[in-house]
Amino acid sequence: MKRKLIFLLFSLIFFLKSNAQCAMCRAVLESEEGQGAAEGINDGIVYLMAIPYILVFGIGYIVYIKFFKTKAST
């Protein structure tokens, strides 16, 4: 259990610091003066990447809870 918790914490820390730009976006945005647009696009890509994982985790959690509540009551 301790291993899983440590793995989860490291995953969350590295997820927050990841660079999620594709090669084309990076090439276009590196030539720009100031990095405001690059940071905004990078944050948007990370946001779009995270939503499906959160939804799958939520559905899996609901199924897990329903399965064990049904099994415990019978």
PDB file of N, CA and C in Angstrom:
ATOM      1  N   MET A   1       0.831  -1.193   0.000  1.00  0.00           N
ATOM      2  CA  MET A   1       0.000   0.000   0.000  1.00  0.00           C
ATOM      3  C   MET A   1       0.872   1.252   0.000  1.00  0.00           C
ATOM      4  N   LYS A   2       1.967   1.195   0.756  1.00  0.00           N
ATOM      5  CA  LYS A   2       2.862   2.339   0.841  1.00  0.00           C
ATOM      6  C   LYS A   2       3.475   2.648  -0.531  1.00  0.00           C
ATOM      7  N   ARG A   3       3.794   1.598  -1.264  1.00  0.00           N
ATOM      8  CA  ARG A   3       4.358   1.770  -2.609  1.00  0.00           C
ATOM      9  C   ARG A   3       3.381   2.466  -3.555  1.00  0.00           C
ATOM     10  N   LYS A   4       2.124   2.061  -3.471  1.00  0.00           N
ATOM     11  CA  LYS A   4       1.106   2.660  -4.332  1.00  0.00           C
ATOM     12  C   LYS A   4       0.927   4.151  -4.023  1.00  0.00           C
ATOM     13  N   LEU A   5       0.950   4.490  -2.756  1.00  0.00           N
ATOM     14  CA  LEU A   5       0.799   5.882  -2.357  1.00  0.00           C
ATOM     15  C   LEU A   5       1.974   6.721  -2.853  1.00  0.00           C
ATOM     16  N   ILE A   6       3.183   6.202  -2.709  1.00  0.00           N
ATOM     17  CA  ILE A   6       4.365   6.923  -3.181  1.00  0.00           C
ATOM     18  C   ILE A   6       4.311   7.088  -4.696  1.00  0.00           C
ATOM     19  N   PHE A   7       3.917   6.026  -5.408  1.00  0.00           N
ATOM     20  CA  PHE A   7       3.796   6.110  -6.867  1.00  0.00           C
ATOM     21  C   PHE A   7       2.760   7.147  -7.276  1.00  0.00           C
ATOM     22  N   LEU A   8       1.638   7.187  -6.587  1.00  0.00           N
ATOM     23  CA  LEU A   8       0.586   8.158  -6.891  1.00  0.00           C
ATOM     24  C   LEU A   8       1.078   9.586  -6.672  1.00  0.00           C
ATOM     25  N   LEU A   9       1.781   9.824  -5.579  1.00  0.00           N
ATOM     26  CA  LEU A   9       2.288  11.171  -5.305  1.00  0.00           C
ATOM     27  C   LEU A   9       3.290  11.620  -6.359  1.00  0.00           C
ATOM     28  N   PHE A  10       4.233  10.743  -6.736  1.00  0.00           N
ATOM     29  CA  PHE A  10       5.198  11.094  -7.772  1.00  0.00           C
ATOM     30  C   PHE A  10       4.511  11.321  -9.114  1.00  0.00           C
ATOM     31  N   SER A  11       3.497  10.520  -9.421  1.00  0.00           N
ATOM     32  CA  SER A  11       2.772  10.690 -10.683  1.00  0.00           C
ATOM     33  C   SER A  11       2.090  12.054 -10.742  1.00  0.00           C
ATOM     34  N   LEU A  12       1.475  12.455  -9.653  1.00  0.00           N
ATOM     35  CA  LEU A  12       0.797  13.745  -9.624  1.00  0.00           C
ATOM     36  C   LEU A  12       1.793  14.898  -9.728  1.00  0.00           C
ATOM     37  N   ILE A  13       2.925  14.772  -9.054  1.00  0.00           N
ATOM     38  CA  ILE A  13       3.930  15.835  -9.101  1.00  0.00           C
ATOM     39  C   ILE A  13       4.482  15.992 -10.512  1.00  0.00           C
ATOM     40  N   PHE A  14       4.823  14.884 -11.168  1.00  0.00           N
ATOM     41  CA  PHE A  14       5.389  14.964 -12.509  1.00  0.00           C
ATOM     42  C   PHE A  14       4.342  15.343 -13.543  1.00  0.00           C
ATOM     43  N   PHE A  15       3.073  15.012 -13.286  1.00  0.00           N
ATOM     44  CA  PHE A  15       1.996  15.395 -14.195  1.00  0.00           C
ATOM     45  C   PHE A  15       1.855  16.915 -14.228  1.00  0.00           C
ATOM     46  N   LEU A  16       1.980  17.554 -13.098  1.00  0.00           N
ATOM     47  CA  LEU A  16       1.814  19.000 -13.025  1.00  0.00           C
ATOM     48  C   LEU A  16       2.964  19.745 -13.711  1.00  0.00           C
ATOM     49  N   LYS A  17       4.146  19.148 -13.784  1.00  0.00           N
ATOM     50  CA  LYS A  17       5.304  19.809 -14.371  1.00  0.00           C
ATOM     51  C   LYS A  17       5.575  19.374 -15.813  1.00  0.00           C
ATOM     52  N   SER A  18       4.676  18.625 -16.419  1.00  0.00           N
ATOM     53  CA  SER A  18       4.941  18.090 -17.755  1.00  0.00           C
ATOM     54  C   SER A  18       4.748  19.158 -18.831  1.00  0.00           C
ATOM     55  N   ASN A  19       5.477  19.019 -19.931  1.00  0.00           N
ATOM     56  CA  ASN A  19       5.319  19.865 -21.101  1.00  0.00           C
ATOM     57  C   ASN A  19       4.539  19.069 -22.135  1.00  0.00           C
ATOM     58  N   ALA A  20       3.404  19.568 -22.527  1.00  0.00           N
ATOM     59  CA  ALA A  20       2.516  18.782 -23.365  1.00  0.00           C
ATOM     60  C   ALA A  20       2.368  19.357 -24.773  1.00  0.00           C
ATOM     61  N   GLN A  21       3.307  20.147 -25.216  1.00  0.00           N
ATOM     62  CA  GLN A  21       3.178  20.731 -26.545  1.00  0.00           C
ATOM     63  C   GLN A  21       3.663  19.750 -27.609  1.00  0.00           C
ATOM     64  N   CYS A  22       2.977  19.731 -28.731  1.00  0.00           N
ATOM     65  CA  CYS A  22       3.443  18.925 -29.849  1.00  0.00           C
ATOM     66  C   CYS A  22       4.595  19.667 -30.539  1.00  0.00           C
ATOM     67  N   ALA A  23       5.271  18.993 -31.453  1.00  0.00           N
ATOM     68  CA  ALA A  23       6.445  19.577 -32.100  1.00  0.00           C
ATOM     69  C   ALA A  23       6.083  20.827 -32.918  1.00  0.00           C
ATOM     70  N   MET A  24       4.956  20.813 -33.595  1.00  0.00           N
ATOM     71  CA  MET A  24       4.554  21.962 -34.423  1.00  0.00           C
ATOM     72  C   MET A  24       4.213  23.170 -33.548  1.00  0.00           C
ATOM     73  N   CYS A  25       3.477  22.949 -32.479  1.00  0.00           N
ATOM     74  CA  CYS A  25       3.127  24.056 -31.581  1.00  0.00           C
ATOM     75  C   CYS A  25       4.388  24.644 -30.965  1.00  0.00           C
ATOM     76  N   ARG A  26       5.296  23.773 -30.575  1.00  0.00           N
ATOM     77  CA  ARG A  26       6.533  24.249 -29.945  1.00  0.00           C
ATOM     78  C   ARG A  26       7.353  25.091 -30.920  1.00  0.00           C
ATOM     79  N   ALA A  27       7.453  24.650 -32.168  1.00  0.00           N
ATOM     80  CA  ALA A  27       8.255  25.381 -33.160  1.00  0.00           C
ATOM     81  C   ALA A  27       7.674  26.773 -33.423  1.00  0.00           C
ATOM     82  N   VAL A  28       6.370  26.856 -33.523  1.00  0.00           N
ATOM     83  CA  VAL A  28       5.728  28.149 -33.796  1.00  0.00           C
ATOM     84  C   VAL A  28       5.839  29.074 -32.592  1.00  0.00           C
ATOM     85  N   LEU A  29       5.620  28.538 -31.399  1.00  0.00           N
ATOM     86  CA  LEU A  29       5.582  29.384 -30.209  1.00  0.00           C
ATOM     87  C   LEU A  29       6.956  29.764 -29.691  1.00  0.00           C
ATOM     88  N   GLU A  30       7.997  29.010 -30.023  1.00  0.00           N
ATOM     89  CA  GLU A  30       9.337  29.380 -29.580  1.00  0.00           C
ATOM     90  C   GLU A  30       9.860  30.605 -30.314  1.00  0.00           C
ATOM     91  N   SER A  31       9.355  30.855 -31.512  1.00  0.00           N
ATOM     92  CA  SER A  31       9.812  32.005 -32.273  1.00  0.00           C
ATOM     93  C   SER A  31       9.150  33.305 -31.803  1.00  0.00           C
ATOM     94  N   GLU A  32       8.154  33.197 -30.929  1.00  0.00           N
ATOM     95  CA  GLU A  32       7.414  34.364 -30.444  1.00  0.00           C
ATOM     96  C   GLU A  32       8.198  35.085 -29.344  1.00  0.00           C
ATOM     97  N   GLU A  33       8.115  36.397 -29.328  1.00  0.00           N
ATOM     98  CA  GLU A  33       8.684  37.199 -28.241  1.00  0.00           C
ATOM     99  C   GLU A  33       7.754  37.087 -27.032  1.00  0.00           C
ATOM    100  N   GLY A  34       8.292  36.854 -25.872  1.00  0.00           N
ATOM    101  CA  GLY A  34       7.459  36.669 -24.678  1.00  0.00           C
ATOM    102  C   GLY A  34       6.820  35.296 -24.740  1.00  0.00           C
ATOM    103  N   GLN A  35       6.588  34.697 -23.614  1.00  0.00           N
ATOM    104  CA  GLN A  35       6.095  33.323 -23.600  1.00  0.00           C
ATOM    105  C   GLN A  35       4.670  33.201 -23.074  1.00  0.00           C
ATOM    106  N   GLY A  36       3.905  34.258 -23.131  1.00  0.00           N
ATOM    107  CA  GLY A  36       2.534  34.223 -22.615  1.00  0.00           C
ATOM    108  C   GLY A  36       1.640  33.273 -23.375  1.00  0.00           C
ATOM    109  N   ALA A  37       1.684  33.330 -24.692  1.00  0.00           N
ATOM    110  CA  ALA A  37       0.832  32.448 -25.503  1.00  0.00           C
ATOM    111  C   ALA A  37       1.280  31.002 -25.377  1.00  0.00           C
ATOM    112  N   ALA A  38       2.584  30.770 -25.300  1.00  0.00           N
ATOM    113  CA  ALA A  38       3.090  29.396 -25.188  1.00  0.00           C
ATOM    114  C   ALA A  38       2.633  28.753 -23.884  1.00  0.00           C
ATOM    115  N   GLU A  39       2.684  29.503 -22.802  1.00  0.00           N
ATOM    116  CA  GLU A  39       2.241  28.969 -21.516  1.00  0.00           C
ATOM    117  C   GLU A  39       0.737  28.685 -21.536  1.00  0.00           C
ATOM    118  N   GLY A  40      -0.028  29.555 -22.164  1.00  0.00           N
ATOM    119  CA  GLY A  40      -1.474  29.347 -22.259  1.00  0.00           C
ATOM    120  C   GLY A  40      -1.831  28.115 -23.070  1.00  0.00           C
ATOM    121  N   ILE A  41      -1.153  27.925 -24.186  1.00  0.00           N
ATOM    122  CA  ILE A  41      -1.426  26.750 -25.019  1.00  0.00           C
ATOM    123  C   ILE A  41      -1.000  25.482 -24.294  1.00  0.00           C
ATOM    124  N   ASN A  42       0.132  25.516 -23.628  1.00  0.00           N
ATOM    125  CA  ASN A  42       0.595  24.347 -22.875  1.00  0.00           C
ATOM    126  C   ASN A  42      -0.393  23.981 -21.772  1.00  0.00           C
ATOM    127  N   ASP A  43      -0.899  24.957 -21.043  1.00  0.00           N
ATOM    128  CA  ASP A  43      -1.886  24.685 -19.998  1.00  0.00           C
ATOM    129  C   ASP A  43      -3.168  24.109 -20.582  1.00  0.00           C
ATOM    130  N   GLY A  44      -3.592  24.612 -21.733  1.00  0.00           N
ATOM    131  CA  GLY A  44      -4.791  24.095 -22.385  1.00  0.00           C
ATOM    132  C   GLY A  44      -4.638  22.651 -22.819  1.00  0.00           C
ATOM    133  N   ILE A  45      -3.467  22.298 -23.330  1.00  0.00           N
ATOM    134  CA  ILE A  45      -3.222  20.925 -23.761  1.00  0.00           C
ATOM    135  C   ILE A  45      -3.230  19.983 -22.559  1.00  0.00           C
ATOM    136  N   VAL A  46      -2.602  20.390 -21.464  1.00  0.00           N
ATOM    137  CA  VAL A  46      -2.590  19.555 -20.259  1.00  0.00           C
ATOM    138  C   VAL A  46      -4.011  19.398 -19.724  1.00  0.00           C
ATOM    139  N   TYR A  47      -4.799  20.452 -19.744  1.00  0.00           N
ATOM    140  CA  TYR A  47      -6.192  20.391 -19.282  1.00  0.00           C
ATOM    141  C   TYR A  47      -6.991  19.411 -20.128  1.00  0.00           C
ATOM    142  N   LEU A  48      -6.863  19.493 -21.437  1.00  0.00           N
ATOM    143  CA  LEU A  48      -7.595  18.583 -22.320  1.00  0.00           C
ATOM    144  C   LEU A  48      -7.134  17.140 -22.155  1.00  0.00           C
ATOM    145  N   MET A  49      -5.880  16.936 -21.807  1.00  0.00           N
ATOM    146  CA  MET A  49      -5.362  15.595 -21.611  1.00  0.00           C
ATOM    147  C   MET A  49      -5.871  15.006 -20.289  1.00  0.00           C
ATOM    148  N   ALA A  50      -6.069  15.816 -19.278  1.00  0.00           N
ATOM    149  CA  ALA A  50      -6.426  15.320 -17.953  1.00  0.00           C
ATOM    150  C   ALA A  50      -7.897  14.928 -17.827  1.00  0.00           C
ATOM    151  N   ILE A  51      -8.775  15.586 -18.544  1.00  0.00           N
ATOM    152  CA  ILE A  51     -10.213  15.350 -18.390  1.00  0.00           C
ATOM    153  C   ILE A  51     -10.610  13.890 -18.641  1.00  0.00           C
ATOM    154  N   PRO A  52     -10.170  13.232 -19.725  1.00  0.00           N
ATOM    155  CA  PRO A  52     -10.564  11.824 -19.911  1.00  0.00           C
ATOM    156  C   PRO A  52     -10.086  10.914 -18.781  1.00  0.00           C
ATOM    157  N   TYR A  53      -8.891  11.158 -18.262  1.00  0.00           N
ATOM    158  CA  TYR A  53      -8.397  10.331 -17.164  1.00  0.00           C
ATOM    159  C   TYR A  53      -9.253  10.521 -15.909  1.00  0.00           C
ATOM    160  N   ILE A  54      -9.655  11.723 -15.634  1.00  0.00           N
ATOM    161  CA  ILE A  54     -10.498  11.987 -14.469  1.00  0.00           C
ATOM    162  C   ILE A  54     -11.858  11.311 -14.631  1.00  0.00           C
ATOM    163  N   LEU A  55     -12.429  11.379 -15.831  1.00  0.00           N
ATOM    164  CA  LEU A  55     -13.722  10.733 -16.074  1.00  0.00           C
ATOM    165  C   LEU A  55     -13.632   9.215 -15.927  1.00  0.00           C
ATOM    166  N   VAL A  56     -12.597   8.605 -16.491  1.00  0.00           N
ATOM    167  CA  VAL A  56     -12.436   7.149 -16.390  1.00  0.00           C
ATOM    168  C   VAL A  56     -12.238   6.742 -14.933  1.00  0.00           C
ATOM    169  N   PHE A  57     -11.435   7.497 -14.185  1.00  0.00           N
ATOM    170  CA  PHE A  57     -11.241   7.201 -12.770  1.00  0.00           C
ATOM    171  C   PHE A  57     -12.570   7.305 -12.015  1.00  0.00           C
ATOM    172  N   GLY A  58     -13.349   8.339 -12.291  1.00  0.00           N
ATOM    173  CA  GLY A  58     -14.637   8.516 -11.617  1.00  0.00           C
ATOM    174  C   GLY A  58     -15.599   7.384 -11.899  1.00  0.00           C
ATOM    175  N   ILE A  59     -15.694   6.962 -13.148  1.00  0.00           N
ATOM    176  CA  ILE A  59     -16.582   5.853 -13.512  1.00  0.00           C
ATOM    177  C   ILE A  59     -16.096   4.558 -12.866  1.00  0.00           C
ATOM    178  N   GLY A  60     -14.778   4.329 -12.885  1.00  0.00           N
ATOM    179  CA  GLY A  60     -14.232   3.131 -12.246  1.00  0.00           C
ATOM    180  C   GLY A  60     -14.506   3.107 -10.752  1.00  0.00           C
ATOM    181  N   TYR A  61     -14.405   4.254 -10.110  1.00  0.00           N
ATOM    182  CA  TYR A  61     -14.677   4.345  -8.678  1.00  0.00           C
ATOM    183  C   TYR A  61     -16.145   4.036  -8.379  1.00  0.00           C
ATOM    184  N   ILE A  62     -17.044   4.571  -9.186  1.00  0.00           N
ATOM    185  CA  ILE A  62     -18.476   4.319  -8.992  1.00  0.00           C
ATOM    186  C   ILE A  62     -18.786   2.833  -9.164  1.00  0.00           C
ATOM    187  N   VAL A  63     -18.223   2.208 -10.190  1.00  0.00           N
ATOM    188  CA  VAL A  63     -18.441   0.774 -10.413  1.00  0.00           C
ATOM    189  C   VAL A  63     -17.874  -0.030  -9.244  1.00  0.00           C
ATOM    190  N   TYR A  64     -16.706   0.344  -8.772  1.00  0.00           N
ATOM    191  CA  TYR A  64     -16.079  -0.343  -7.641  1.00  0.00           C
ATOM    192  C   TYR A  64     -16.963  -0.267  -6.395  1.00  0.00           C
ATOM    193  N   ILE A  65     -17.462   0.919  -6.095  1.00  0.00           N
ATOM    194  CA  ILE A  65     -18.319   1.101  -4.911  1.00  0.00           C
ATOM    195  C   ILE A  65     -19.615   0.310  -5.061  1.00  0.00           C
ATOM    196  N   LYS A  66     -20.242   0.384  -6.230  1.00  0.00           N
ATOM    197  CA  LYS A  66     -21.504  -0.345  -6.452  1.00  0.00           C
ATOM    198  C   LYS A  66     -21.289  -1.848  -6.323  1.00  0.00           C
ATOM    199  N   PHE A  67     -20.184  -2.358  -6.841  1.00  0.00           N
ATOM    200  CA  PHE A  67     -19.914  -3.785  -6.796  1.00  0.00           C
ATOM    201  C   PHE A  67     -19.760  -4.273  -5.361  1.00  0.00           C
ATOM    202  N   PHE A  68     -19.021  -3.538  -4.527  1.00  0.00           N
ATOM    203  CA  PHE A  68     -18.803  -3.985  -3.170  1.00  0.00           C
ATOM    204  C   PHE A  68     -19.985  -3.719  -2.246  1.00  0.00           C
ATOM    205  N   LYS A  69     -20.788  -2.705  -2.523  1.00  0.00           N
ATOM    206  CA  LYS A  69     -22.007  -2.489  -1.728  1.00  0.00           C
ATOM    207  C   LYS A  69     -23.007  -3.608  -1.996  1.00  0.00           C
ATOM    208  N   THR A  70     -23.146  -4.004  -3.261  1.00  0.00           N
ATOM    209  CA  THR A  70     -24.070  -5.080  -3.623  1.00  0.00           C
ATOM    210  C   THR A  70     -23.592  -6.392  -3.014  1.00  0.00           C
ATOM    211  N   LYS A  71     -22.302  -6.650  -3.064  1.00  0.00           N
ATOM    212  CA  LYS A  71     -21.749  -7.896  -2.541  1.00  0.00           C
ATOM    213  C   LYS A  71     -21.861  -7.948  -1.017  1.00  0.00           C
ATOM    214  N   ALA A  72     -21.697  -6.853  -0.329  1.00  0.00           N
ATOM    215  CA  ALA A  72     -21.759  -6.825   1.131  1.00  0.00           C
ATOM    216  C   ALA A  72     -23.189  -6.998   1.639  1.00  0.00           C
ATOM    217  N   SER A  73     -24.168  -6.513   0.894  1.00  0.00           N
ATOM    218  CA  SER A  73     -25.558  -6.577   1.360  1.00  0.00           C
ATOM    219  C   SER A  73     -26.188  -7.935   1.118  1.00  0.00           C
ATOM    220  N   THR A  74     -25.612  -8.783   0.288  1.00  0.00           N
ATOM    221  CA  THR A  74     -26.206 -10.103   0.030  1.00  0.00           C
ATOM    222  C   THR A  74     -25.656 -11.167   0.930  1.00  0.00           C
TER     223      THR A  74
END
